[in-house]
């Protein structure tokens, strides 16, 4: 019976942590109702699962793409700066991009956890943000390379870490992003819990 069918549990869990607390029950309930009453009877369970995952991906996209654009924009700008304004001292540049990336990860995770009230929103949204940003970053770097691939630019690229670093570093960033996203999830979820306490309790705290 369609009443007992459910979409993939992992997709439901991700959906719930990507939504605002106030929208969680209504949105997840509406998607589940559509899944059971319309999509499964029309398309079958396997296709309905794919449909549901696509809906979840849409909500995740809306929760992460701004943060991903910020991260990838900084990465591509740093790449272009290294190529067009070469140097042998990368300390200041590296410090800026490192702190900027950490700030984006923390804000993305904390904001997601605050909105949803769930600790798990922090690492989930931060991880997805990083993966989306990695795709944006390598695409941006590829555009730069397609336009500017003269020997001077290629030498500057080699001197700043090489093209291998440009294409691998955005994906390797998932490790520190998860660490920061976990911390941000704890901060955001606790902050959300404290903020949503009755006003009398907040004033006593």
Protein backbone atom coordinates (compact mmCIF):
# COMPACT_ATOMS: atom_id res chain seq x y z
CA UNK A 1 0.00 0.00 0.00
CA UNK A 2 1.23 3.48 -0.84
CA UNK A 3 0.43 4.65 2.72
CA UNK A 4 3.31 2.55 4.05
CA UNK A 5 5.87 3.49 1.41
CA UNK A 6 8.52 5.99 2.33
CA UNK A 7 11.32 7.67 0.39
CA UNK A 8 14.93 6.90 1.32
CA UNK A 9 15.45 7.58 5.01
CA UNK A 10 18.73 9.43 4.39
CA UNK A 11 17.00 11.80 1.97
CA UNK A 12 14.25 12.53 4.49
CA UNK A 13 16.87 13.24 7.16
CA UNK A 14 18.80 15.62 4.91
CA UNK A 15 15.59 17.39 3.93
CA UNK A 16 14.62 17.99 7.53
CA UNK A 17 17.96 19.52 8.49
CA UNK A 18 18.00 21.78 5.41
CA UNK A 19 14.65 23.41 6.26
CA UNK A 20 13.73 26.11 8.69
CA UNK A 21 12.22 24.73 11.86
CA UNK A 22 8.86 26.41 11.13
CA UNK A 23 8.66 24.82 7.66
CA UNK A 24 9.95 21.37 8.54
CA UNK A 25 6.69 19.53 9.17
CA UNK A 26 4.68 21.22 6.43
CA UNK A 27 7.27 20.83 3.67
CA UNK A 28 8.32 17.30 4.57
CA UNK A 29 4.67 16.32 4.99
CA UNK A 30 3.67 17.78 1.62
CA UNK A 31 6.54 16.02 -0.14
CA UNK A 32 5.71 12.73 1.53
CA UNK A 33 2.05 13.07 0.57
CA UNK A 34 2.94 13.80 -3.06
CA UNK A 35 5.41 10.90 -3.05
CA UNK A 36 2.82 8.43 -1.80
CA UNK A 37 -0.34 9.68 -3.49
CA UNK A 38 0.94 10.79 -6.89
CA UNK A 39 4.51 9.91 -7.73
CA UNK A 40 4.67 6.27 -6.61
CA UNK A 41 1.39 5.26 -8.36
CA UNK A 42 2.39 7.07 -11.56
CA UNK A 43 6.09 6.23 -11.82
CA UNK A 44 6.83 3.32 -9.53
CA UNK A 45 8.83 3.29 -6.34
CA UNK A 46 12.33 3.50 -7.86
CA UNK A 47 11.48 6.52 -10.02
CA UNK A 48 9.61 8.08 -7.09
CA UNK A 49 12.73 7.77 -4.95
CA UNK A 50 14.72 9.60 -7.62
CA UNK A 51 12.03 12.29 -7.77
CA UNK A 52 12.17 12.72 -4.00
CA UNK A 53 15.97 12.97 -3.96
CA UNK A 54 15.76 15.66 -6.65
CA UNK A 55 13.35 17.66 -4.50
CA UNK A 56 15.73 17.38 -1.55
CA UNK A 57 18.61 18.46 -3.79
CA UNK A 58 16.63 21.56 -4.69
CA UNK A 59 16.21 22.54 -1.05
CA UNK A 60 19.89 21.86 -0.40
CA UNK A 61 20.84 23.98 -3.40
CA UNK A 62 18.85 26.91 -2.07
CA UNK A 63 20.47 26.48 1.35
CA UNK A 64 24.04 26.35 0.04
CA UNK A 65 24.54 28.10 -3.28
CA UNK A 66 25.16 31.60 -1.87
CA UNK A 67 27.83 30.27 0.48
CA UNK A 68 29.29 28.20 -2.36
CA UNK A 69 29.48 31.27 -4.59
CA UNK A 70 31.30 33.20 -1.85
CA UNK A 71 33.84 30.40 -1.36
CA UNK A 72 34.42 29.75 -5.06
CA UNK A 73 34.55 33.45 -5.88
CA UNK A 74 37.35 33.93 -3.37
CA UNK A 75 39.17 30.85 -4.68
CA UNK A 76 39.00 31.91 -8.32
CA UNK A 77 40.00 35.48 -7.43
CA UNK A 78 42.98 34.16 -5.48
CA UNK A 79 43.94 31.89 -8.37
CA UNK A 80 43.77 34.77 -10.84
CA UNK A 81 45.77 37.01 -8.51
CA UNK A 82 48.50 34.38 -8.15
CA UNK A 83 48.68 33.94 -11.91
CA UNK A 84 48.60 37.59 -12.92
CA UNK A 85 50.50 39.09 -9.96
CA UNK A 86 53.08 36.40 -9.22
CA UNK A 87 55.08 36.42 -6.00
CA UNK A 88 57.38 34.20 -4.00
CA UNK A 89 55.85 35.09 -0.63
CA UNK A 90 52.34 33.61 -0.33
CA UNK A 91 51.91 34.04 3.42
CA UNK A 92 49.53 37.01 3.37
CA UNK A 93 47.51 35.63 0.46
CA UNK A 94 47.23 32.20 2.04
CA UNK A 95 46.25 33.64 5.41
CA UNK A 96 43.49 35.75 3.88
CA UNK A 97 41.97 32.93 1.82
CA UNK A 98 42.24 30.47 4.72
CA UNK A 99 40.46 32.74 7.16
CA UNK A 100 37.89 33.71 4.54
CA UNK A 101 37.12 30.06 3.77
CA UNK A 102 36.88 29.19 7.46
CA UNK A 103 34.52 32.11 7.99
CA UNK A 104 32.28 31.02 5.13
CA UNK A 105 32.16 27.45 6.42
CA UNK A 106 31.39 28.56 9.94
CA UNK A 107 28.66 31.00 8.92
CA UNK A 108 27.07 28.47 6.56
CA UNK A 109 27.00 25.76 9.22
CA UNK A 110 25.91 28.00 12.08
CA UNK A 111 23.16 29.64 10.03
CA UNK A 112 21.83 26.27 8.86
CA UNK A 113 21.83 24.89 12.41
CA UNK A 114 20.17 28.05 13.72
CA UNK A 115 17.40 27.89 11.09
CA UNK A 116 16.68 24.22 11.54
CA UNK A 117 17.46 23.89 15.23
CA UNK A 118 19.44 20.76 14.36
CA UNK A 119 23.12 20.21 15.11
CA UNK A 120 23.42 17.96 12.05
CA UNK A 121 22.50 20.82 9.73
CA UNK A 122 25.95 22.32 10.38
CA UNK A 123 28.16 19.55 8.96
CA UNK A 124 25.64 18.56 6.27
CA UNK A 125 25.20 22.04 4.83
CA UNK A 126 28.90 22.84 5.16
CA UNK A 127 29.87 19.63 3.35
CA UNK A 128 27.41 20.24 0.51
CA UNK A 129 28.50 23.88 0.30
CA UNK A 130 32.11 22.78 -0.07
CA UNK A 131 31.35 20.24 -2.80
CA UNK A 132 29.24 22.72 -4.78
CA UNK A 133 31.93 25.37 -4.31
CA UNK A 134 34.58 22.92 -5.54
CA UNK A 135 32.66 22.43 -8.79
CA UNK A 136 32.27 26.18 -9.19
CA UNK A 137 35.95 26.71 -8.39
CA UNK A 138 37.37 24.25 -10.90
CA UNK A 139 34.98 25.56 -13.54
CA UNK A 140 36.13 29.12 -12.88
CA UNK A 141 39.78 28.11 -12.96
CA UNK A 142 39.21 26.25 -16.22
CA UNK A 143 37.69 29.37 -17.77
CA UNK A 144 40.73 31.38 -16.67
CA UNK A 145 43.05 28.76 -18.14
CA UNK A 146 41.12 28.63 -21.41
CA UNK A 147 41.45 32.38 -21.85
CA UNK A 148 44.97 32.88 -20.46
CA UNK A 149 47.32 30.01 -21.22
CA UNK A 150 50.38 31.88 -22.41
CA UNK A 151 53.80 30.73 -21.17
CA UNK A 152 54.04 33.54 -18.60
CA UNK A 153 50.71 32.63 -17.02
CA UNK A 154 51.56 28.93 -17.02
CA UNK A 155 54.88 29.66 -15.34
CA UNK A 156 53.11 31.75 -12.69
CA UNK A 157 50.62 28.93 -12.15
CA UNK A 158 53.45 26.45 -11.69
CA UNK A 159 55.16 28.77 -9.24
CA UNK A 160 52.02 29.13 -7.11
CA UNK A 161 51.48 25.42 -6.58
CA UNK A 162 50.69 24.11 -10.02
CA UNK A 163 47.47 23.25 -11.81
CA UNK A 164 47.18 20.03 -9.84
CA UNK A 165 46.71 22.06 -6.66
CA UNK A 166 44.15 24.32 -8.35
CA UNK A 167 42.02 21.33 -9.32
CA UNK A 168 42.45 19.21 -6.20
CA UNK A 169 42.50 21.72 -3.34
CA UNK A 170 38.79 22.69 -3.54
CA UNK A 171 37.80 19.04 -3.07
CA UNK A 172 40.38 18.40 -0.35
CA UNK A 173 38.84 21.29 1.58
CA UNK A 174 35.99 18.95 2.59
CA UNK A 175 38.04 17.73 5.57
CA UNK A 176 38.55 21.06 7.37
CA UNK A 177 35.08 22.12 6.24
CA UNK A 178 33.52 19.18 8.09
CA UNK A 179 35.47 20.00 11.24
CA UNK A 180 34.41 23.65 11.18
CA UNK A 181 30.87 22.73 10.15
CA UNK A 182 30.57 20.42 13.13
CA UNK A 183 31.63 23.17 15.51
CA UNK A 184 29.32 25.62 13.76
CA UNK A 185 26.45 23.15 14.01
CA UNK A 186 26.92 22.93 17.77
CA UNK A 187 27.08 26.72 18.13
CA UNK A 188 24.10 27.35 15.87
CA UNK A 189 21.84 24.67 17.33
CA UNK A 190 22.57 25.71 20.93
CA UNK A 191 22.03 29.35 20.02
CA UNK A 192 18.75 28.47 18.35
CA UNK A 193 17.62 26.52 21.38
CA UNK A 194 18.45 29.35 23.75
CA UNK A 195 16.84 31.97 21.53
CA UNK A 196 13.60 30.02 21.21
CA UNK A 197 13.18 29.55 24.95
CA UNK A 198 10.29 31.51 26.45
CA UNK A 199 11.29 35.14 26.98
CA UNK A 200 11.02 34.82 30.74
CA UNK A 201 13.51 31.97 30.78
CA UNK A 202 15.89 33.87 28.46
CA UNK A 203 15.90 36.85 30.78
CA UNK A 204 16.67 34.61 33.74
CA UNK A 205 19.48 32.79 31.94
